[in-house]
Structure formats: structure tokens, C-alpha cells
Amino acid sequence: MKTIRIRVGGQAPDVEADCETSLFAAMARAGIAWPVPCRNGTCRTCIARLLKGQVRYDIPWSGLSAEEKLEGYCLPCVALPMSDVVIAQA
């Protein structure tokens, strides 16, 4: 397990995570509230702008179009961090 930094709305907790822990799970452990009703990438309520870093998805359909991914959007409920990330609510 490595330490990744997730920065959200001015908060910058260090979160113990690995590439198998979703951004949402890491934020929840750190006490950061984020709207995530479905937790499977279908409702899109949790959509965020990925300002820095890289994420990956283990599911074939992440709920985002190819264009949204290129524009820097991610779904924290299913996005797995590959590096330190900075996100903002979309």
C-alpha cells in the first residue's frame, strides 16, 4: 500500500490507498463527504473534474463518455487512483 494524496475543496488529507481503492472509498475513510448514491458508476451523481493525476477503471462501462474522459471528468465511486490526484466537484 502506498500513500496517495487526494485534494478536494481545499482539504488535503493523506490517505492510505492503493490502486485497488476507489477515490470515494479513500475520501470516505478520510472523512470527506461526497455525494455517491449508487457506488457503481451508473447514476453520475459523484462526477468530478480530475485536475491532476491519473485514474483507471476496472469496469468496462464507467458511466462516462470518451469525450468526458478526455475533458478530465471522473467518477470517484469507481475511479481507482494511479497517482496523487486533485479533484473538484463538477
Protein backbone atom coordinates (compact mmCIF):
# COMPACT_ATOMS: atom_id res chain seq x y z
CA MET A 1 0.00 0.00 0.00
CA LYS A 2 1.26 3.48 -0.84
CA THR A 3 0.16 6.87 0.40
CA ILE A 4 -1.70 8.93 -2.13
CA ARG A 5 -2.84 12.49 -1.66
CA ILE A 6 -6.38 13.35 -2.60
CA ARG A 7 -7.10 17.06 -2.57
CA VAL A 8 -10.74 18.12 -2.51
CA GLY A 9 -12.09 21.62 -1.97
CA GLY A 10 -9.06 22.93 -0.10
CA GLN A 11 -8.75 19.84 2.11
CA ALA A 12 -5.62 17.80 1.55
CA PRO A 13 -5.63 14.69 3.73
CA ASP A 14 -3.04 11.99 3.24
CA VAL A 15 -4.96 8.82 2.58
CA GLU A 16 -3.55 5.31 2.72
CA ALA A 17 -4.67 3.72 -0.51
CA ASP A 18 -3.54 1.58 -3.38
CA CYS A 19 -4.65 1.19 -6.95
CA GLU A 20 -7.47 -1.11 -5.80
CA THR A 21 -9.20 1.52 -3.61
CA SER A 22 -11.70 3.88 -5.24
CA LEU A 23 -11.33 7.62 -4.77
CA PHE A 24 -14.67 7.62 -2.95
CA ALA A 25 -13.60 4.88 -0.51
CA ALA A 26 -10.37 6.74 0.26
CA MET A 27 -12.23 10.04 0.75
CA ALA A 28 -14.82 8.39 2.98
CA ARG A 29 -12.05 6.93 5.17
CA ALA A 30 -10.57 10.44 5.47
CA GLY A 31 -13.95 11.89 6.48
CA ILE A 32 -14.56 13.83 3.25
CA ALA A 33 -18.23 13.96 2.35
CA TRP A 34 -19.02 13.39 -1.33
CA PRO A 35 -22.38 12.58 -2.98
CA VAL A 36 -22.27 8.93 -4.01
CA PRO A 37 -25.70 7.25 -4.09
CA CYS A 38 -25.00 4.30 -6.42
CA ARG A 39 -21.31 3.42 -5.92
CA ASN A 40 -21.19 1.59 -9.23
CA GLY A 41 -20.70 4.33 -11.83
CA THR A 42 -24.22 4.50 -13.22
CA CYS A 43 -26.00 7.44 -11.57
CA ARG A 44 -23.21 10.01 -12.25
CA THR A 45 -24.07 11.98 -9.10
CA CYS A 46 -20.44 11.85 -7.96
CA ILE A 47 -18.98 13.22 -11.22
CA ALA A 48 -15.83 15.26 -10.63
CA ARG A 49 -13.23 17.12 -12.61
CA LEU A 50 -9.82 15.44 -12.41
CA LEU A 51 -7.48 18.42 -12.15
CA LYS A 52 -4.28 16.47 -11.58
CA GLY A 53 -3.19 12.84 -11.64
CA GLN A 54 -4.44 9.70 -13.30
CA VAL A 55 -7.19 7.20 -12.56
CA ARG A 56 -8.26 3.93 -14.09
CA TYR A 57 -11.45 1.90 -14.12
CA ASP A 58 -11.84 -1.85 -13.65
CA ILE A 59 -15.33 -1.88 -15.10
CA PRO A 60 -15.92 -1.74 -18.86
CA TRP A 61 -18.58 0.98 -18.54
CA SER A 62 -17.53 3.71 -16.14
CA GLY A 63 -20.57 5.88 -16.84
CA LEU A 64 -18.51 8.47 -18.74
CA SER A 65 -18.28 9.08 -22.45
CA ALA A 66 -14.91 9.07 -24.17
CA GLU A 67 -15.25 12.84 -24.58
CA GLU A 68 -15.90 13.37 -20.87
CA LYS A 69 -12.80 11.34 -20.02
CA LEU A 70 -10.74 13.45 -22.44
CA GLU A 71 -12.16 16.61 -20.86
CA GLY A 72 -10.91 15.43 -17.47
CA TYR A 73 -14.03 14.12 -15.77
CA CYS A 74 -14.04 11.08 -13.50
CA LEU A 75 -16.47 9.16 -11.31
CA PRO A 76 -14.90 8.87 -7.83
CA CYS A 77 -17.16 5.97 -6.86
CA VAL A 78 -15.38 3.69 -9.34
CA ALA A 79 -12.19 5.61 -10.23
CA LEU A 80 -9.02 3.98 -8.93
CA PRO A 81 -6.08 6.36 -8.35
CA MET A 82 -2.87 5.66 -10.19
CA SER A 83 -1.05 8.65 -8.69
CA ASP A 84 -1.69 11.60 -6.39
CA VAL A 85 -4.89 13.26 -7.56
CA VAL A 86 -6.63 16.60 -7.25
CA ILE A 87 -10.37 16.64 -7.94
CA ALA A 88 -13.13 19.22 -7.81
CA GLN A 89 -16.88 18.76 -7.88
CA ALA A 90 -18.17 19.28 -11.41
